[in-house]
């Protein structure tokens, strides 16, 4: 019976390990996320180079020098081995140097603020390619996406064309959230009064999950949206349909939209106030509110006047 349970346990473990091979983080559809996935593999392999021998030696020595093994060498006066010291300190040091080098290169290459240099490992960005700008606002508890060049906006729906670089400008209305689409790129924080950026590209058409990866209150669990990677033609058609059938998102409409809600349905807006994102970022959407940038400029001017 114990043997049967052991076999079942091993089978379950194997299924679990193999099931992880298809997780979106390790098998993404965006070039940035693919590089991040490879970085995880490289870092894991480098660490296993030292971890596996250490575990193996621990098991070997525990068995080899067990109490009832009288054939093992007994040397209570032994206290130093130059070769062993070099191995113990040299191998981890080399691993740390390799990890440091890989991390340093990857940190600069995958900087979310850095514009993309390639569409994927085989293709450079064609000359004349225009980057799509999407302004992202984390609300309680939903996501607002503004397309400033197209003049449209959506709630809990993000659509971008395949093989087109996208520059996300990200902020929040009240509390900090984390904008995360595992198939596309790593998570980036969304903070009120601040703007973070993310450059990414999706290489395969499909529908992917997006969500907040930072707890932000009661409706956090349902703060999810669908990310659609579509062909450029399908994207143009979607923009046209949204312009035709969408509602209006002016400042007054936004003040209603930003009120807390859970499981907000997908909404589309065919026209958007052109300065809405800037007002959200500078926390001055409401009538009579003073924008942060104006306050800072005023303080700066006042300091010079005082001087």
Protein backbone atom coordinates (compact mmCIF):
# COMPACT_ATOMS: atom_id res chain seq x y z
CA UNK A 1 0.00 0.00 0.00
CA UNK A 2 2.80 2.42 0.89
CA UNK A 3 4.48 1.61 -2.44
CA UNK A 4 1.26 2.43 -4.28
CA UNK A 5 0.93 5.74 -2.44
CA UNK A 6 4.55 6.55 -3.24
CA UNK A 7 3.99 5.87 -6.94
CA UNK A 8 0.87 8.05 -6.94
CA UNK A 9 2.74 10.82 -5.19
CA UNK A 10 5.57 10.71 -7.71
CA UNK A 11 3.07 10.73 -10.58
CA UNK A 12 1.28 13.74 -9.11
CA UNK A 13 4.59 15.56 -8.66
CA UNK A 14 5.57 14.82 -12.27
CA UNK A 15 2.23 16.11 -13.57
CA UNK A 16 2.60 19.27 -11.51
CA UNK A 17 6.12 19.90 -12.77
CA UNK A 18 5.15 19.26 -16.39
CA UNK A 19 2.07 21.44 -15.97
CA UNK A 20 4.35 24.33 -15.08
CA UNK A 21 6.07 24.06 -18.45
CA UNK A 22 3.12 25.76 -20.14
CA UNK A 23 2.65 28.64 -17.70
CA UNK A 24 2.33 32.02 -19.39
CA UNK A 25 5.35 33.50 -17.59
CA UNK A 26 7.65 30.88 -19.10
CA UNK A 27 5.85 30.70 -22.45
CA UNK A 28 4.75 34.29 -23.20
CA UNK A 29 3.70 35.91 -26.47
CA UNK A 30 5.55 39.21 -26.09
CA UNK A 31 9.24 39.83 -26.78
CA UNK A 32 9.93 41.58 -23.45
CA UNK A 33 8.24 38.84 -21.41
CA UNK A 34 10.12 36.19 -23.44
CA UNK A 35 13.45 37.78 -22.50
CA UNK A 36 12.39 37.94 -18.87
CA UNK A 37 11.43 34.26 -19.00
CA UNK A 38 14.85 33.34 -20.38
CA UNK A 39 16.48 35.39 -17.63
CA UNK A 40 14.63 33.29 -15.04
CA UNK A 41 15.89 30.09 -16.68
CA UNK A 42 19.50 31.33 -16.92
CA UNK A 43 19.53 32.52 -13.29
CA UNK A 44 18.00 29.24 -12.09
CA UNK A 45 20.51 27.12 -14.01
CA UNK A 46 23.44 29.17 -12.69
CA UNK A 47 22.23 28.73 -9.12
CA UNK A 48 21.60 25.00 -9.60
CA UNK A 49 25.23 24.58 -10.67
CA UNK A 50 26.19 25.13 -7.05
CA UNK A 51 23.00 23.98 -5.30
CA UNK A 52 22.84 20.47 -6.79
CA UNK A 53 26.45 19.50 -5.89
CA UNK A 54 26.00 20.88 -2.37
CA UNK A 55 22.82 18.86 -1.82
CA UNK A 56 24.45 15.76 -3.33
CA UNK A 57 27.53 16.15 -1.10
CA UNK A 58 25.36 16.68 1.98
CA UNK A 59 23.55 13.41 1.33
CA UNK A 60 26.80 11.60 0.45
CA UNK A 61 28.71 12.73 3.54
CA UNK A 62 25.76 12.01 5.84
CA UNK A 63 25.67 8.45 4.49
CA UNK A 64 29.43 7.95 4.12
CA UNK A 65 30.30 9.06 7.65
CA UNK A 66 27.32 7.66 9.49
CA UNK A 67 28.03 6.29 12.94
CA UNK A 68 27.89 2.58 12.10
CA UNK A 69 30.15 2.84 9.00
CA UNK A 70 33.43 1.70 10.54
CA UNK A 71 35.11 1.64 7.10
CA UNK A 72 35.00 5.45 6.84
CA UNK A 73 38.24 7.30 7.54
CA UNK A 74 38.34 8.73 11.05
CA UNK A 75 40.59 11.80 11.27
CA UNK A 76 39.72 14.02 14.27
CA UNK A 77 42.88 16.12 13.76
CA UNK A 78 41.92 17.22 10.23
CA UNK A 79 41.24 20.97 10.06
CA UNK A 80 42.35 22.38 6.68
CA UNK A 81 42.46 21.63 2.97
CA UNK A 82 43.60 24.30 0.49
CA UNK A 83 41.94 22.51 -2.40
CA UNK A 84 38.65 22.25 -0.50
CA UNK A 85 38.79 25.91 0.55
CA UNK A 86 39.36 26.98 -3.07
CA UNK A 87 36.38 24.90 -4.18
CA UNK A 88 34.10 26.09 -1.37
CA UNK A 89 34.82 29.78 -1.94
CA UNK A 90 35.79 29.84 -5.61
CA UNK A 91 32.76 28.11 -7.12
CA UNK A 92 30.13 30.34 -5.43
CA UNK A 93 32.20 33.42 -6.24
CA UNK A 94 32.23 32.53 -9.93
CA UNK A 95 28.49 31.93 -9.86
CA UNK A 96 27.90 35.30 -8.17
CA UNK A 97 30.07 37.06 -10.77
CA UNK A 98 28.14 35.37 -13.60
CA UNK A 99 24.78 36.24 -12.02
CA UNK A 100 25.90 39.82 -11.46
CA UNK A 101 26.97 40.19 -15.08
CA UNK A 102 23.73 38.69 -16.42
CA UNK A 103 21.67 40.87 -14.07
CA UNK A 104 23.52 44.07 -14.99
CA UNK A 105 23.10 43.48 -18.73
CA UNK A 106 19.45 42.44 -18.41
CA UNK A 107 18.58 45.35 -16.12
CA UNK A 108 19.62 47.83 -18.79
CA UNK A 109 18.29 45.82 -21.75
CA UNK A 110 14.87 45.28 -20.16
CA UNK A 111 14.48 48.72 -18.61
CA UNK A 112 10.72 49.38 -18.97
CA UNK A 113 11.42 53.08 -19.72
CA UNK A 114 13.71 52.18 -22.62
CA UNK A 115 12.12 52.20 -26.10
CA UNK A 116 12.23 48.86 -27.88
CA UNK A 117 15.03 48.14 -30.34
CA UNK A 118 13.50 45.00 -31.87
CA UNK A 119 10.13 43.37 -32.50
CA UNK A 120 11.56 39.99 -31.49
CA UNK A 121 14.85 38.09 -31.53
CA UNK A 122 14.87 37.80 -35.33
CA UNK A 123 13.30 41.09 -36.45
CA UNK A 124 14.33 44.70 -35.99
CA UNK A 125 11.67 47.40 -35.87
CA UNK A 126 11.00 48.48 -39.47
CA UNK A 127 11.92 52.05 -40.33
CA UNK A 128 8.97 54.41 -40.04
CA UNK A 129 7.08 52.25 -37.54
CA UNK A 130 4.97 54.43 -35.28
CA UNK A 131 4.73 53.53 -31.61
CA UNK A 132 1.22 53.23 -30.21
CA UNK A 133 0.67 55.31 -27.06
CA UNK A 134 -1.75 54.04 -24.42
CA UNK A 135 -2.45 55.96 -21.21
CA UNK A 136 -3.31 53.64 -18.33
CA UNK A 137 -5.18 54.72 -15.21
CA UNK A 138 -5.73 52.36 -12.28
CA UNK A 139 -9.09 53.12 -10.68
CA UNK A 140 -10.97 51.54 -7.77
CA UNK A 141 -11.35 48.73 -8.93
CA UNK A 142 -11.05 48.82 -12.68
CA UNK A 143 -8.68 49.89 -15.44
CA UNK A 144 -9.11 52.87 -17.75
CA UNK A 145 -7.20 52.85 -21.04
CA UNK A 146 -6.97 56.06 -23.07
CA UNK A 147 -5.73 56.12 -26.67
CA UNK A 148 -4.76 59.79 -27.09
CA UNK A 149 -3.88 59.60 -30.79
CA UNK A 150 -7.08 57.73 -31.64
CA UNK A 151 -9.23 59.85 -29.31
CA UNK A 152 -10.93 56.87 -27.68
CA UNK A 153 -10.92 55.12 -24.30
CA UNK A 154 -12.03 51.84 -22.75
CA UNK A 155 -12.65 50.35 -19.33
CA UNK A 156 -11.35 46.84 -18.62
CA UNK A 157 -10.48 46.19 -22.26
CA UNK A 158 -7.07 46.74 -23.86
CA UNK A 159 -6.59 46.20 -27.59
CA UNK A 160 -3.29 46.63 -29.44
CA UNK A 161 -2.02 45.54 -32.86
CA UNK A 162 0.45 42.66 -33.14
CA UNK A 163 4.11 43.53 -33.89
CA UNK A 164 3.60 47.22 -33.13
CA UNK A 165 5.65 48.78 -30.29
CA UNK A 166 3.47 50.15 -27.51
CA UNK A 167 4.39 52.85 -25.00
CA UNK A 168 2.27 52.70 -21.87
CA UNK A 169 2.02 55.80 -19.66
CA UNK A 170 0.73 54.62 -16.30
CA UNK A 171 -0.77 56.35 -13.28
CA UNK A 172 -3.49 55.78 -10.65
CA UNK A 173 -6.45 57.71 -9.28
CA UNK A 174 -6.24 57.01 -5.54
CA UNK A 175 -3.97 54.22 -4.30
CA UNK A 176 -1.04 52.28 -5.71
CA UNK A 177 -1.72 49.34 -8.00
CA UNK A 178 0.46 47.23 -10.27
CA UNK A 179 -0.21 46.94 -14.01
CA UNK A 180 0.60 43.39 -15.10
CA UNK A 181 0.03 41.41 -18.29
CA UNK A 182 2.18 38.25 -17.87
CA UNK A 183 2.14 37.42 -21.59
CA UNK A 184 3.42 40.90 -22.49
CA UNK A 185 5.97 42.13 -19.94
CA UNK A 186 6.74 42.45 -16.24
CA UNK A 187 4.57 44.35 -13.79
CA UNK A 188 4.86 48.13 -13.44
CA UNK A 189 3.47 50.10 -10.51
CA UNK A 190 0.68 52.63 -11.01
CA UNK A 191 0.86 55.43 -8.44
CA UNK A 192 -1.34 58.52 -7.94
CA UNK A 193 0.35 61.77 -8.88
CA UNK A 194 3.18 59.92 -10.59
CA UNK A 195 3.74 58.47 -14.05
CA UNK A 196 5.56 55.25 -14.80
CA UNK A 197 6.27 53.90 -18.28
CA UNK A 198 6.43 50.55 -20.01
CA UNK A 199 7.56 49.74 -23.55
CA UNK A 200 6.43 46.38 -24.92
CA UNK A 201 5.21 44.51 -27.99
CA UNK A 202 2.92 41.52 -28.47
CA UNK A 203 4.05 39.07 -31.15
CA UNK A 204 1.14 36.64 -31.31
CA UNK A 205 -2.54 37.39 -31.78
CA UNK A 206 -4.73 36.24 -28.93
CA UNK A 207 -6.62 37.18 -25.79
CA UNK A 208 -4.57 37.39 -22.61
CA UNK A 209 -5.21 38.14 -18.95
CA UNK A 210 -4.27 41.41 -17.32
CA UNK A 211 -4.72 42.39 -13.69
CA UNK A 212 -3.44 44.33 -10.73
CA UNK A 213 -0.60 42.57 -8.92
CA UNK A 214 -0.68 44.87 -5.88
CA UNK A 215 -3.40 44.70 -3.23
CA UNK A 216 -5.48 47.87 -3.29
CA UNK A 217 -8.61 47.23 -1.28
CA UNK A 218 -11.87 45.33 -1.21
CA UNK A 219 -12.36 45.01 -4.98
CA UNK A 220 -8.77 44.06 -5.76
CA UNK A 221 -9.53 40.42 -6.61
CA UNK A 222 -11.81 41.45 -9.47
CA UNK A 223 -9.52 44.15 -10.86
CA UNK A 224 -8.92 42.24 -14.07
CA UNK A 225 -9.16 42.95 -17.78
CA UNK A 226 -8.66 41.23 -21.13
CA UNK A 227 -5.72 42.16 -23.33
CA UNK A 228 -6.35 41.58 -27.04
CA UNK A 229 -3.51 41.27 -29.54
CA UNK A 230 -5.03 41.74 -33.00
CA UNK A 231 -3.90 42.39 -36.55
CA UNK A 232 -3.33 46.03 -37.58
CA UNK A 233 -6.40 45.84 -39.80
CA UNK A 234 -8.56 44.46 -36.98
CA UNK A 235 -7.22 47.19 -34.67
CA UNK A 236 -8.17 49.91 -37.15
CA UNK A 237 -11.66 48.40 -37.44
CA UNK A 238 -11.98 48.24 -33.65
CA UNK A 239 -10.96 51.90 -33.31
CA UNK A 240 -13.51 52.89 -35.95
CA UNK A 241 -16.27 50.88 -34.27
CA UNK A 242 -15.41 52.38 -30.87
CA UNK A 243 -15.49 55.89 -32.27
CA UNK A 244 -18.88 55.22 -33.81
CA UNK A 245 -20.60 53.32 -31.01
CA UNK A 246 -18.76 54.48 -27.88
CA UNK A 247 -19.88 57.02 -25.31
CA UNK A 248 -18.31 60.30 -24.22
CA UNK A 249 -15.64 60.63 -21.54
CA UNK A 250 -15.30 64.22 -20.45
CA UNK A 251 -14.08 65.38 -17.05
CA UNK A 252 -17.55 65.19 -15.50
CA UNK A 253 -17.98 61.66 -16.86
CA UNK A 254 -14.61 60.64 -15.41
CA UNK A 255 -15.55 61.91 -11.94
CA UNK A 256 -18.49 59.49 -12.01
CA UNK A 257 -16.40 56.66 -13.48
CA UNK A 258 -13.67 56.91 -10.84
CA UNK A 259 -16.08 56.16 -8.02
CA UNK A 260 -15.29 52.71 -6.53
CA UNK A 261 -17.02 49.78 -8.22
CA UNK A 262 -16.44 46.03 -8.40
CA UNK A 263 -16.57 43.87 -11.54
CA UNK A 264 -17.14 46.84 -13.80
CA UNK A 265 -18.26 45.77 -17.28
CA UNK A 266 -16.29 46.63 -20.40
CA UNK A 267 -17.08 50.19 -21.51
CA UNK A 268 -15.97 52.02 -24.65
CA UNK A 269 -15.79 55.76 -25.27
CA UNK A 270 -15.74 57.21 -28.77
CA UNK A 271 -14.56 60.63 -27.61
CA UNK A 272 -12.32 61.65 -24.73
CA UNK A 273 -11.37 65.01 -23.28
CA UNK A 274 -7.91 65.64 -24.79
CA UNK A 275 -6.38 66.75 -21.50
CA UNK A 276 -8.03 64.11 -19.30
CA UNK A 277 -4.98 61.94 -18.62
CA UNK A 278 -2.84 64.99 -17.81
CA UNK A 279 -5.52 66.19 -15.38
CA UNK A 280 -5.71 62.75 -13.73
CA UNK A 281 -1.94 62.62 -13.42
CA UNK A 282 -1.80 66.10 -11.89
CA UNK A 283 -4.85 65.41 -9.70
CA UNK A 284 -6.93 68.32 -10.95
CA UNK A 285 -9.90 66.79 -12.78
CA UNK A 286 -12.52 68.45 -10.60
CA UNK A 287 -13.61 72.03 -11.19
CA UNK A 288 -11.44 74.54 -9.39
CA UNK A 289 -8.71 72.02 -8.50
CA UNK A 290 -5.16 73.29 -8.89
CA UNK A 291 -2.89 70.96 -10.88
CA UNK A 292 0.22 69.69 -9.13
CA UNK A 293 2.45 70.89 -11.96
CA UNK A 294 0.98 74.40 -11.58
CA UNK A 295 1.56 74.31 -7.85
CA UNK A 296 5.15 73.27 -8.37
CA UNK A 297 5.68 75.93 -11.02
CA UNK A 298 4.10 78.50 -8.75
CA UNK A 299 6.29 77.53 -5.82
CA UNK A 300 9.34 77.65 -8.08
CA UNK A 301 8.36 81.10 -9.35
CA UNK A 302 7.64 82.28 -5.83
CA UNK A 303 11.09 81.20 -4.66
CA UNK A 304 12.72 83.17 -7.46
CA UNK A 305 10.54 86.18 -6.70
CA UNK A 306 11.51 85.98 -3.03
CA UNK A 307 15.18 85.82 -3.95
